[in-house]
Amino acid sequence: MRLVFAGTPETAVPALEALLASPRHEVAAVVTRPDAPAGRGRKLVAGPVAQRAEQAGIEVLKPAKAKDPDFLDRLREIAPDCCPVVAYGALLPRAALDIPRHGWVNLHFSLLPAWRGAAPVQHAVLHGDDVTGACTFQIEEDLDTGPVYGVLTEPIRPDDTSGALLDRLARAGARLLADTMDGIEQGLLEPRPQPAEGVSYAAKLTPEDARVDWSAPALRVDRLVRACTPAPGAWTTFRGERLKLGPVRPAAGGGDLAPGELKVSKKEVLAGTATHPVALGEVQPQGKRRMPAADWMRGITLTGEDTLI
């Protein structure tokens, strides 16, 4: 089939690679978000999908909005049979959805109808799901409601961050999306409606959502930090300044600590929660590099008023 691939971040690159390698399909163009400011100089930089497409010599379309007339006209000229999508990052209007004869097929990183929306992997980790997965489905105008072509499952490990889990799903999902394109071309796949039961939504996690509440149980603190790693990044405050947090782990012993209370030894830094303490992993004080929590605490003399807030 003649394809136009839509995607923007690094998460979408494995799927693009799988389609580029397929002998059955031609990736005629890529649709991606416009270049965005990055780095200290805030220079405009193309996204990972755009960079990979340019390396492959593929036409790259970067409409400000998918309803732009010039973009829609160009898409009609390219005349794709299908538009596979991975983390494109913008809504698709009916005028765009109607152009390819097989529609737009999205790779979504959850077991739909669970965790429809922008942050399915983060919410799966945050809510303590044991299993997640990925689906390919036909895009409709409503949010992630379309009928499903294919599914894969992936266990969530006790120490998984959202970044680590998303990396596995992106690689496994790339094969699922390529297989879905094969099945559509051969006429072997018919999408099935999603169940009416089990619908949940995964809104984007904001920096404020990523602030640790030390009055929560240790299990909740652990899940929040892992869900927000690497983005938007879990954090707390110490002596009035923001302290970024890497994944924590349950503490072996440590005694009873009040929520946010710190206890320091040569090898670890413990923080109290509503249940039992957790050991801090890497931290990043404001204006400094990331470092092990024990290194951060060297040279700091705790007072009775020093707590994480």
C-alpha atoms as a PDB file:
ATOM      1  CA  MET A   1       0.000   0.000   0.000  1.00  0.00           C
ATOM      2  CA  ARG A   2       0.947   3.618  -0.449  1.00  0.00           C
ATOM      3  CA  LEU A   3       1.235   5.107   3.039  1.00  0.00           C
ATOM      4  CA  VAL A   4       1.535   8.514   4.657  1.00  0.00           C
ATOM      5  CA  PHE A   5       2.908   8.073   8.177  1.00  0.00           C
ATOM      6  CA  ALA A   6       1.924  10.518  10.927  1.00  0.00           C
ATOM      7  CA  GLY A   7       4.011  10.834  14.089  1.00  0.00           C
ATOM      8  CA  THR A   8       6.291  13.204  15.947  1.00  0.00           C
ATOM      9  CA  PRO A   9       8.376  11.985  18.936  1.00  0.00           C
ATOM     10  CA  GLU A  10      11.037   9.318  19.389  1.00  0.00           C
ATOM     11  CA  THR A  11       8.284   6.898  20.428  1.00  0.00           C
ATOM     12  CA  ALA A  12       7.015   6.864  16.836  1.00  0.00           C
ATOM     13  CA  VAL A  13      10.368   6.192  15.168  1.00  0.00           C
ATOM     14  CA  PRO A  14      10.379   2.361  15.593  1.00  0.00           C
ATOM     15  CA  ALA A  15       7.028   2.153  13.783  1.00  0.00           C
ATOM     16  CA  LEU A  16       8.298   4.338  10.953  1.00  0.00           C
ATOM     17  CA  GLU A  17      11.398   2.147  10.701  1.00  0.00           C
ATOM     18  CA  ALA A  18       9.244  -0.992  10.502  1.00  0.00           C
ATOM     19  CA  LEU A  19       7.159   0.457   7.669  1.00  0.00           C
ATOM     20  CA  LEU A  20      10.215   1.698   5.794  1.00  0.00           C
ATOM     21  CA  ALA A  21      11.636  -1.830   5.982  1.00  0.00           C
ATOM     22  CA  SER A  22       8.436  -3.487   4.762  1.00  0.00           C
ATOM     23  CA  PRO A  23       8.576  -4.847   1.203  1.00  0.00           C
ATOM     24  CA  ARG A  24       4.791  -4.592   0.928  1.00  0.00           C
ATOM     25  CA  HIS A  25       4.389  -0.862   1.504  1.00  0.00           C
ATOM     26  CA  GLU A  26       5.684   2.488   0.277  1.00  0.00           C
ATOM     27  CA  VAL A  27       5.960   5.358   2.769  1.00  0.00           C
ATOM     28  CA  ALA A  28       5.289   8.228   0.377  1.00  0.00           C
ATOM     29  CA  ALA A  29       5.395  11.028   2.961  1.00  0.00           C
ATOM     30  CA  VAL A  30       5.433  11.792   6.669  1.00  0.00           C
ATOM     31  CA  VAL A  31       3.125  14.160   8.565  1.00  0.00           C
ATOM     32  CA  THR A  32       4.569  15.582  11.769  1.00  0.00           C
ATOM     33  CA  ARG A  33       4.232  18.530  14.122  1.00  0.00           C
ATOM     34  CA  PRO A  34       6.012  21.792  13.267  1.00  0.00           C
ATOM     35  CA  ASP A  35       9.556  22.316  14.535  1.00  0.00           C
ATOM     36  CA  ALA A  36       9.658  23.278  18.218  1.00  0.00           C
ATOM     37  CA  PRO A  37      12.102  25.284  20.387  1.00  0.00           C
ATOM     38  CA  ALA A  38      14.690  23.118  22.156  1.00  0.00           C
ATOM     39  CA  GLY A  39      17.885  23.487  24.169  1.00  0.00           C
ATOM     40  CA  ARG A  40      19.275  26.510  25.951  1.00  0.00           C
ATOM     41  CA  GLY A  41      19.210  28.630  22.813  1.00  0.00           C
ATOM     42  CA  ARG A  42      15.552  27.667  22.184  1.00  0.00           C
ATOM     43  CA  LYS A  43      16.287  27.175  18.503  1.00  0.00           C
ATOM     44  CA  LEU A  44      13.638  25.522  16.359  1.00  0.00           C
ATOM     45  CA  VAL A  45      14.423  21.817  15.991  1.00  0.00           C
ATOM     46  CA  ALA A  46      12.693  19.162  13.902  1.00  0.00           C
ATOM     47  CA  GLY A  47      11.177  16.248  15.801  1.00  0.00           C
ATOM     48  CA  PRO A  48      12.680  12.743  15.713  1.00  0.00           C
ATOM     49  CA  VAL A  49      10.226  11.462  13.090  1.00  0.00           C
ATOM     50  CA  ALA A  50      10.913  14.426  10.810  1.00  0.00           C
ATOM     51  CA  GLN A  51      14.661  13.895  11.162  1.00  0.00           C
ATOM     52  CA  ARG A  52      14.386  10.194  10.319  1.00  0.00           C
ATOM     53  CA  ALA A  53      12.153  10.897   7.329  1.00  0.00           C
ATOM     54  CA  GLU A  54      14.590  13.490   6.006  1.00  0.00           C
ATOM     55  CA  GLN A  55      17.430  10.966   6.327  1.00  0.00           C
ATOM     56  CA  ALA A  56      15.369   8.536   4.246  1.00  0.00           C
ATOM     57  CA  GLY A  57      14.643  11.175   1.610  1.00  0.00           C
ATOM     58  CA  ILE A  58      10.912  11.188   2.291  1.00  0.00           C
ATOM     59  CA  GLU A  59       8.702  14.249   1.889  1.00  0.00           C
ATOM     60  CA  VAL A  60       7.858  15.804   5.282  1.00  0.00           C
ATOM     61  CA  LEU A  61       4.626  17.733   5.836  1.00  0.00           C
ATOM     62  CA  LYS A  62       4.427  19.991   8.921  1.00  0.00           C
ATOM     63  CA  PRO A  63       1.004  21.642   8.949  1.00  0.00           C
ATOM     64  CA  ALA A  64       0.252  24.011  11.830  1.00  0.00           C
ATOM     65  CA  LYS A  65      -3.187  22.376  11.847  1.00  0.00           C
ATOM     66  CA  ALA A  66      -4.382  19.286  10.027  1.00  0.00           C
ATOM     67  CA  LYS A  67      -7.328  21.238   8.624  1.00  0.00           C
ATOM     68  CA  ASP A  68      -5.059  23.628   6.699  1.00  0.00           C
ATOM     69  CA  PRO A  69      -6.282  23.672   3.054  1.00  0.00           C
ATOM     70  CA  ASP A  70      -2.768  23.481   1.590  1.00  0.00           C
ATOM     71  CA  PHE A  71      -2.005  20.383   3.660  1.00  0.00           C
ATOM     72  CA  LEU A  72      -5.271  18.689   2.681  1.00  0.00           C
ATOM     73  CA  ASP A  73      -4.670  19.464  -0.993  1.00  0.00           C
ATOM     74  CA  ARG A  74      -1.172  17.957  -0.825  1.00  0.00           C
ATOM     75  CA  LEU A  75      -2.474  14.866   0.945  1.00  0.00           C
ATOM     76  CA  ARG A  76      -5.023  14.367  -1.833  1.00  0.00           C
ATOM     77  CA  GLU A  77      -2.263  14.704  -4.416  1.00  0.00           C
ATOM     78  CA  ILE A  78      -0.185  12.022  -2.677  1.00  0.00           C
ATOM     79  CA  ALA A  79      -3.308   9.801  -2.599  1.00  0.00           C
ATOM     80  CA  PRO A  80      -2.359   7.408   0.223  1.00  0.00           C
ATOM     81  CA  ASP A  81      -4.187   4.125   0.609  1.00  0.00           C
ATOM     82  CA  CYS A  82      -3.830   4.357   4.395  1.00  0.00           C
ATOM     83  CA  CYS A  83      -2.302   6.689   7.001  1.00  0.00           C
ATOM     84  CA  PRO A  84      -0.720   4.864   9.954  1.00  0.00           C
ATOM     85  CA  VAL A  85      -0.350   7.072  13.051  1.00  0.00           C
ATOM     86  CA  VAL A  86       1.815   6.930  16.175  1.00  0.00           C
ATOM     87  CA  ALA A  87       1.812   9.839  18.658  1.00  0.00           C
ATOM     88  CA  TYR A  88       1.197  12.501  16.026  1.00  0.00           C
ATOM     89  CA  GLY A  89       0.008  14.995  18.636  1.00  0.00           C
ATOM     90  CA  ALA A  90      -2.849  16.809  16.879  1.00  0.00           C
ATOM     91  CA  LEU A  91      -6.523  16.238  16.138  1.00  0.00           C
ATOM     92  CA  LEU A  92      -7.507  15.071  12.664  1.00  0.00           C
ATOM     93  CA  PRO A  93     -10.586  16.644  11.057  1.00  0.00           C
ATOM     94  CA  ARG A  94     -13.121  14.711   9.012  1.00  0.00           C
ATOM     95  CA  ALA A  95     -11.741  16.267   5.820  1.00  0.00           C
ATOM     96  CA  ALA A  96      -8.386  14.585   6.492  1.00  0.00           C
ATOM     97  CA  LEU A  97      -9.864  11.301   7.726  1.00  0.00           C
ATOM     98  CA  ASP A  98     -11.814  10.846   4.487  1.00  0.00           C
ATOM     99  CA  ILE A  99      -8.822  11.103   2.127  1.00  0.00           C
ATOM    100  CA  PRO A 100      -7.157   7.641   2.371  1.00  0.00           C
ATOM    101  CA  ARG A 101      -9.417   4.812   1.225  1.00  0.00           C
ATOM    102  CA  HIS A 102      -8.483   2.708   4.265  1.00  0.00           C
ATOM    103  CA  GLY A 103      -8.598   5.666   6.647  1.00  0.00           C
ATOM    104  CA  TRP A 104      -6.118   6.495   9.409  1.00  0.00           C
ATOM    105  CA  VAL A 105      -4.973   3.660  11.684  1.00  0.00           C
ATOM    106  CA  ASN A 106      -3.553   4.594  15.074  1.00  0.00           C
ATOM    107  CA  LEU A 107      -1.133   2.653  17.272  1.00  0.00           C
ATOM    108  CA  HIS A 108      -2.236   3.428  20.838  1.00  0.00           C
ATOM    109  CA  PHE A 109      -0.324   2.281  23.899  1.00  0.00           C
ATOM    110  CA  SER A 110      -3.075   0.775  26.036  1.00  0.00           C
ATOM    111  CA  LEU A 111      -5.627  -2.014  25.941  1.00  0.00           C
ATOM    112  CA  LEU A 112      -8.581  -0.021  24.666  1.00  0.00           C
ATOM    113  CA  PRO A 113     -11.072   1.037  25.888  1.00  0.00           C
ATOM    114  CA  ALA A 114      -8.830   1.453  28.946  1.00  0.00           C
ATOM    115  CA  TRP A 115      -6.778   4.643  29.078  1.00  0.00           C
ATOM    116  CA  ARG A 116      -8.027   6.572  26.101  1.00  0.00           C
ATOM    117  CA  GLY A 117      -6.166   9.853  25.755  1.00  0.00           C
ATOM    118  CA  ALA A 118      -2.748  11.466  25.812  1.00  0.00           C
ATOM    119  CA  ALA A 119      -0.917   9.596  28.592  1.00  0.00           C
ATOM    120  CA  PRO A 120      -2.000   5.934  28.679  1.00  0.00           C
ATOM    121  CA  VAL A 121       1.363   4.498  29.775  1.00  0.00           C
ATOM    122  CA  GLN A 122       1.795   6.999  32.602  1.00  0.00           C
ATOM    123  CA  HIS A 123      -1.683   6.266  33.932  1.00  0.00           C
ATOM    124  CA  ALA A 124      -1.185   2.507  33.739  1.00  0.00           C
ATOM    125  CA  VAL A 125       1.904   2.845  35.945  1.00  0.00           C
ATOM    126  CA  LEU A 126       0.297   5.433  38.229  1.00  0.00           C
ATOM    127  CA  HIS A 127      -2.755   3.273  38.892  1.00  0.00           C
ATOM    128  CA  GLY A 128      -0.812   0.074  39.483  1.00  0.00           C
ATOM    129  CA  ASP A 129      -2.035  -1.940  36.489  1.00  0.00           C
ATOM    130  CA  ASP A 130      -0.421  -5.360  36.213  1.00  0.00           C
ATOM    131  CA  VAL A 131      -0.758  -5.591  32.449  1.00  0.00           C
ATOM    132  CA  THR A 132      -1.009  -3.083  29.630  1.00  0.00           C
ATOM    133  CA  GLY A 133      -0.434  -3.331  25.898  1.00  0.00           C
ATOM    134  CA  ALA A 134      -1.010  -1.673  22.549  1.00  0.00           C
ATOM    135  CA  CYS A 135      -3.821  -1.574  19.990  1.00  0.00           C
ATOM    136  CA  THR A 136      -4.180  -0.606  16.373  1.00  0.00           C
ATOM    137  CA  PHE A 137      -7.537   0.990  15.655  1.00  0.00           C
ATOM    138  CA  GLN A 138      -9.407   2.992  13.028  1.00  0.00           C
ATOM    139  CA  ILE A 139      -9.373   6.675  13.930  1.00  0.00           C
ATOM    140  CA  GLU A 140     -12.730   8.405  14.321  1.00  0.00           C
ATOM    141  CA  GLU A 141     -13.434  12.015  15.232  1.00  0.00           C
ATOM    142  CA  ASP A 142     -14.072  11.064  18.883  1.00  0.00           C
ATOM    143  CA  LEU A 143     -11.150  10.385  21.223  1.00  0.00           C
ATOM    144  CA  ASP A 144      -9.699   6.862  20.735  1.00  0.00           C
ATOM    145  CA  THR A 145     -13.142   5.302  20.199  1.00  0.00           C
ATOM    146  CA  GLY A 146     -12.618   3.581  16.846  1.00  0.00           C
ATOM    147  CA  PRO A 147     -12.861  -0.150  16.140  1.00  0.00           C
ATOM    148  CA  VAL A 148      -9.755  -2.222  16.891  1.00  0.00           C
ATOM    149  CA  TYR A 149      -7.682  -4.214  14.374  1.00  0.00           C
ATOM    150  CA  GLY A 150      -5.008  -5.792  16.562  1.00  0.00           C
ATOM    151  CA  VAL A 151      -3.839  -6.087  20.167  1.00  0.00           C
ATOM    152  CA  LEU A 152      -0.703  -7.056  22.048  1.00  0.00           C
ATOM    153  CA  THR A 153      -0.180  -7.314  25.798  1.00  0.00           C
ATOM    154  CA  GLU A 154       2.806  -6.364  27.958  1.00  0.00           C
ATOM    155  CA  PRO A 155       3.294  -7.021  31.701  1.00  0.00           C
ATOM    156  CA  ILE A 156       4.159  -4.022  33.851  1.00  0.00           C
ATOM    157  CA  ARG A 157       7.215  -4.756  35.993  1.00  0.00           C
ATOM    158  CA  PRO A 158       7.380  -3.615  39.627  1.00  0.00           C
ATOM    159  CA  ASP A 159      10.231  -1.209  38.837  1.00  0.00           C
ATOM    160  CA  ASP A 160       8.954   0.037  35.464  1.00  0.00           C
ATOM    161  CA  THR A 161       9.060   3.746  34.785  1.00  0.00           C
ATOM    162  CA  SER A 162       6.709   5.077  32.159  1.00  0.00           C
ATOM    163  CA  GLY A 163       9.755   5.702  29.965  1.00  0.00           C
ATOM    164  CA  ALA A 164      11.008   2.120  30.161  1.00  0.00           C
ATOM    165  CA  LEU A 165       7.543   0.675  29.582  1.00  0.00           C
ATOM    166  CA  LEU A 166       6.835   2.996  26.665  1.00  0.00           C
ATOM    167  CA  ASP A 167      10.123   2.005  25.053  1.00  0.00           C
ATOM    168  CA  ARG A 168       9.123  -1.687  25.119  1.00  0.00           C
ATOM    169  CA  LEU A 169       5.638  -0.921  23.822  1.00  0.00           C
ATOM    170  CA  ALA A 170       6.992   1.270  21.014  1.00  0.00           C
ATOM    171  CA  ARG A 171       9.226  -1.532  19.771  1.00  0.00           C
ATOM    172  CA  ALA A 172       6.593  -4.262  20.066  1.00  0.00           C
ATOM    173  CA  GLY A 173       3.889  -1.966  18.692  1.00  0.00           C
ATOM    174  CA  ALA A 174       5.955  -1.199  15.597  1.00  0.00           C
ATOM    175  CA  ARG A 175       5.594  -4.810  14.503  1.00  0.00           C
ATOM    176  CA  LEU A 176       1.880  -4.769  15.343  1.00  0.00           C
ATOM    177  CA  LEU A 177       1.326  -1.697  13.170  1.00  0.00           C
ATOM    178  CA  ALA A 178       3.263  -3.203  10.246  1.00  0.00           C
ATOM    179  CA  ASP A 179       1.272  -6.438  10.575  1.00  0.00           C
ATOM    180  CA  THR A 180      -1.954  -4.423  10.646  1.00  0.00           C
ATOM    181  CA  MET A 181      -0.999  -2.685   7.399  1.00  0.00           C
ATOM    182  CA  ASP A 182      -0.301  -6.114   5.858  1.00  0.00           C
ATOM    183  CA  GLY A 183      -3.664  -7.454   7.001  1.00  0.00           C
ATOM    184  CA  ILE A 184      -5.571  -4.464   5.676  1.00  0.00           C
ATOM    185  CA  GLU A 185      -3.835  -4.725   2.303  1.00  0.00           C
ATOM    186  CA  GLN A 186      -4.623  -8.426   2.037  1.00  0.00           C
ATOM    187  CA  GLY A 187      -8.228  -7.933   3.118  1.00  0.00           C
ATOM    188  CA  LEU A 188      -7.739 -10.239   6.090  1.00  0.00           C
ATOM    189  CA  LEU A 189      -8.537  -7.778   8.902  1.00  0.00           C
ATOM    190  CA  GLU A 190     -11.872  -6.321   9.927  1.00  0.00           C
ATOM    191  CA  PRO A 191     -11.836  -3.924  12.875  1.00  0.00           C
ATOM    192  CA  ARG A 192     -14.038  -4.831  15.835  1.00  0.00           C
ATOM    193  CA  PRO A 193     -15.936  -2.269  17.943  1.00  0.00           C
ATOM    194  CA  GLN A 194     -14.492  -1.538  21.366  1.00  0.00           C
ATOM    195  CA  PRO A 195     -16.416  -2.902  24.374  1.00  0.00           C
ATOM    196  CA  ALA A 196     -18.783  -0.475  26.060  1.00  0.00           C
ATOM    197  CA  GLU A 197     -17.426  -1.505  29.467  1.00  0.00           C
ATOM    198  CA  GLY A 198     -14.034  -0.647  30.943  1.00  0.00           C
ATOM    199  CA  VAL A 199     -13.645   2.843  29.509  1.00  0.00           C
ATOM    200  CA  SER A 200     -11.104   5.062  31.291  1.00  0.00           C
ATOM    201  CA  TYR A 201      -9.278   8.238  30.355  1.00  0.00           C
ATOM    202  CA  ALA A 202      -5.626   9.219  30.571  1.00  0.00           C
ATOM    203  CA  ALA A 203      -5.243  12.982  30.674  1.00  0.00           C
ATOM    204  CA  LYS A 204      -1.777  14.453  30.187  1.00  0.00           C
ATOM    205  CA  LEU A 205       0.123  14.669  33.483  1.00  0.00           C
ATOM    206  CA  THR A 206       1.191  18.224  34.309  1.00  0.00           C
ATOM    207  CA  PRO A 207       4.182  19.334  36.403  1.00  0.00           C
ATOM    208  CA  GLU A 208       1.781  20.071  39.246  1.00  0.00           C
ATOM    209  CA  ASP A 209       0.436  16.494  39.025  1.00  0.00           C
ATOM    210  CA  ALA A 210       4.055  15.316  39.416  1.00  0.00           C
ATOM    211  CA  ARG A 211       4.566  16.899  42.841  1.00  0.00           C
ATOM    212  CA  VAL A 212       4.958  14.178  45.479  1.00  0.00           C
ATOM    213  CA  ASP A 213       2.479  14.160  48.356  1.00  0.00           C
ATOM    214  CA  TRP A 214       4.423  12.653  51.245  1.00  0.00           C
ATOM    215  CA  SER A 215       1.215  12.156  53.232  1.00  0.00           C
ATOM    216  CA  ALA A 216       0.239   9.502  50.691  1.00  0.00           C
ATOM    217  CA  PRO A 217       1.121   5.825  51.233  1.00  0.00           C
ATOM    218  CA  ALA A 218       4.566   4.666  50.095  1.00  0.00           C
ATOM    219  CA  LEU A 219       2.998   2.597  47.304  1.00  0.00           C
ATOM    220  CA  ARG A 220       1.334   5.706  45.886  1.00  0.00           C
ATOM    221  CA  VAL A 221       4.569   7.713  46.113  1.00  0.00           C
ATOM    222  CA  ASP A 222       6.479   4.955  44.303  1.00  0.00           C
ATOM    223  CA  ARG A 223       3.909   4.752  41.499  1.00  0.00           C
ATOM    224  CA  LEU A 224       3.727   8.509  41.040  1.00  0.00           C
ATOM    225  CA  VAL A 225       7.490   8.923  40.730  1.00  0.00           C
ATOM    226  CA  ARG A 226       7.796   6.028  38.261  1.00  0.00           C
ATOM    227  CA  ALA A 227       4.802   7.269  36.246  1.00  0.00           C
ATOM    228  CA  CYS A 228       6.370  10.729  35.946  1.00  0.00           C
ATOM    229  CA  THR A 229       9.802   9.422  34.908  1.00  0.00           C
ATOM    230  CA  PRO A 230      11.134  10.786  32.608  1.00  0.00           C
ATOM    231  CA  ALA A 231       8.326  13.291  31.990  1.00  0.00           C
ATOM    232  CA  PRO A 232       6.996  15.518  33.388  1.00  0.00           C
ATOM    233  CA  GLY A 233       9.455  14.618  36.181  1.00  0.00           C
ATOM    234  CA  ALA A 234       8.501  14.002  39.816  1.00  0.00           C
ATOM    235  CA  TRP A 235       9.537  16.657  42.312  1.00  0.00           C
ATOM    236  CA  THR A 236       9.262  17.959  45.847  1.00  0.00           C
ATOM    237  CA  THR A 237      10.726  20.918  47.728  1.00  0.00           C
ATOM    238  CA  PHE A 238      13.568  21.069  50.249  1.00  0.00           C
ATOM    239  CA  ARG A 239      14.335  24.300  52.078  1.00  0.00           C
ATOM    240  CA  GLY A 240      12.046  26.144  49.714  1.00  0.00           C
ATOM    241  CA  GLU A 241      13.720  24.971  46.498  1.00  0.00           C
ATOM    242  CA  ARG A 242      12.536  22.411  43.991  1.00  0.00           C
ATOM    243  CA  LEU A 243      14.172  18.990  44.160  1.00  0.00           C
ATOM    244  CA  LYS A 244      13.637  16.649  41.210  1.00  0.00           C
ATOM    245  CA  LEU A 245      13.246  12.983  42.082  1.00  0.00           C
ATOM    246  CA  GLY A 246      14.156   9.763  40.322  1.00  0.00           C
ATOM    247  CA  PRO A 247      12.474   6.448  41.210  1.00  0.00           C
ATOM    248  CA  VAL A 248      12.370   5.521  44.895  1.00  0.00           C
ATOM    249  CA  ARG A 249      12.290   2.086  46.506  1.00  0.00           C
ATOM    250  CA  PRO A 250      10.745   0.651  49.652  1.00  0.00           C
ATOM    251  CA  ALA A 251      13.121   1.022  52.596  1.00  0.00           C
ATOM    252  CA  ALA A 252      14.356  -1.963  54.561  1.00  0.00           C
ATOM    253  CA  GLY A 253      13.690  -0.764  58.075  1.00  0.00           C
ATOM    254  CA  GLY A 254      14.170   2.901  58.770  1.00  0.00           C
ATOM    255  CA  GLY A 255      11.734   3.088  61.642  1.00  0.00           C
ATOM    256  CA  ASP A 256       8.771   5.417  61.804  1.00  0.00           C
ATOM    257  CA  LEU A 257       9.219   8.690  59.967  1.00  0.00           C
ATOM    258  CA  ALA A 258       6.624  11.422  59.661  1.00  0.00           C
ATOM    259  CA  PRO A 259       5.532  12.277  56.102  1.00  0.00           C
ATOM    260  CA  GLY A 260       8.412  14.093  54.411  1.00  0.00           C
ATOM    261  CA  GLU A 261      10.781  13.575  57.342  1.00  0.00           C
ATOM    262  CA  LEU A 262      14.330  12.648  56.302  1.00  0.00           C
ATOM    263  CA  LYS A 263      16.736  10.139  57.781  1.00  0.00           C
ATOM    264  CA  VAL A 264      20.291   9.932  56.454  1.00  0.00           C
ATOM    265  CA  SER A 265      22.900   7.169  56.596  1.00  0.00           C
ATOM    266  CA  LYS A 266      26.170   6.745  54.698  1.00  0.00           C
ATOM    267  CA  LYS A 267      24.482   4.750  51.938  1.00  0.00           C
ATOM    268  CA  GLU A 268      20.924   6.048  51.663  1.00  0.00           C
ATOM    269  CA  VAL A 269      18.443   8.809  52.344  1.00  0.00           C
ATOM    270  CA  LEU A 270      15.033   7.797  53.659  1.00  0.00           C
ATOM    271  CA  ALA A 271      11.868   9.868  53.399  1.00  0.00           C
ATOM    272  CA  GLY A 272       8.726   9.268  55.436  1.00  0.00           C
ATOM    273  CA  THR A 273       5.314   8.636  53.928  1.00  0.00           C
ATOM    274  CA  ALA A 274       1.883   7.826  55.348  1.00  0.00           C
ATOM    275  CA  THR A 275       2.955   4.192  55.722  1.00  0.00           C
ATOM    276  CA  HIS A 276       6.619   3.159  55.644  1.00  0.00           C
ATOM    277  CA  PRO A 277       9.672   5.135  54.470  1.00  0.00           C
ATOM    278  CA  VAL A 278      11.076   5.048  50.962  1.00  0.00           C
ATOM    279  CA  ALA A 279      14.724   5.324  49.953  1.00  0.00           C
ATOM    280  CA  LEU A 280      15.415   8.143  47.520  1.00  0.00           C
ATOM    281  CA  GLY A 281      17.256   7.250  44.310  1.00  0.00           C
ATOM    282  CA  GLU A 282      18.759   9.971  42.149  1.00  0.00           C
ATOM    283  CA  VAL A 283      17.840  13.575  42.904  1.00  0.00           C
ATOM    284  CA  GLN A 284      18.523  16.866  41.153  1.00  0.00           C
ATOM    285  CA  PRO A 285      18.726  20.002  43.292  1.00  0.00           C
ATOM    286  CA  GLN A 286      17.795  23.267  41.631  1.00  0.00           C
ATOM    287  CA  GLY A 287      20.557  24.437  39.304  1.00  0.00           C
ATOM    288  CA  LYS A 288      22.672  21.310  39.769  1.00  0.00           C
ATOM    289  CA  ARG A 289      23.240  17.969  38.056  1.00  0.00           C
ATOM    290  CA  ARG A 290      21.498  14.707  38.903  1.00  0.00           C
ATOM    291  CA  MET A 291      23.218  12.723  41.652  1.00  0.00           C
ATOM    292  CA  PRO A 292      22.593   9.885  44.114  1.00  0.00           C
ATOM    293  CA  ALA A 293      20.600  11.085  47.115  1.00  0.00           C
ATOM    294  CA  ALA A 294      23.439  10.134  49.486  1.00  0.00           C
ATOM    295  CA  ASP A 295      25.820  12.421  47.557  1.00  0.00           C
ATOM    296  CA  TRP A 296      23.291  15.244  47.699  1.00  0.00           C
ATOM    297  CA  MET A 297      23.078  14.981  51.471  1.00  0.00           C
ATOM    298  CA  ARG A 298      26.813  15.169  52.023  1.00  0.00           C
ATOM    299  CA  GLY A 299      27.588  18.547  53.527  1.00  0.00           C
ATOM    300  CA  ILE A 300      23.971  19.178  54.552  1.00  0.00           C
ATOM    301  CA  THR A 301      23.272  19.205  58.292  1.00  0.00           C
ATOM    302  CA  LEU A 302      19.621  18.409  58.875  1.00  0.00           C
ATOM    303  CA  THR A 303      17.652  20.352  61.432  1.00  0.00           C
ATOM    304  CA  GLY A 304      14.389  19.362  63.011  1.00  0.00           C
ATOM    305  CA  GLU A 305      12.565  21.589  60.519  1.00  0.00           C
ATOM    306  CA  ASP A 306      14.101  20.043  57.387  1.00  0.00           C
ATOM    307  CA  THR A 307      11.462  18.009  55.609  1.00  0.00           C
ATOM    308  CA  LEU A 308      10.391  17.337  52.042  1.00  0.00           C
ATOM    309  CA  ILE A 309       7.240  19.279  51.224  1.00  0.00           C
END
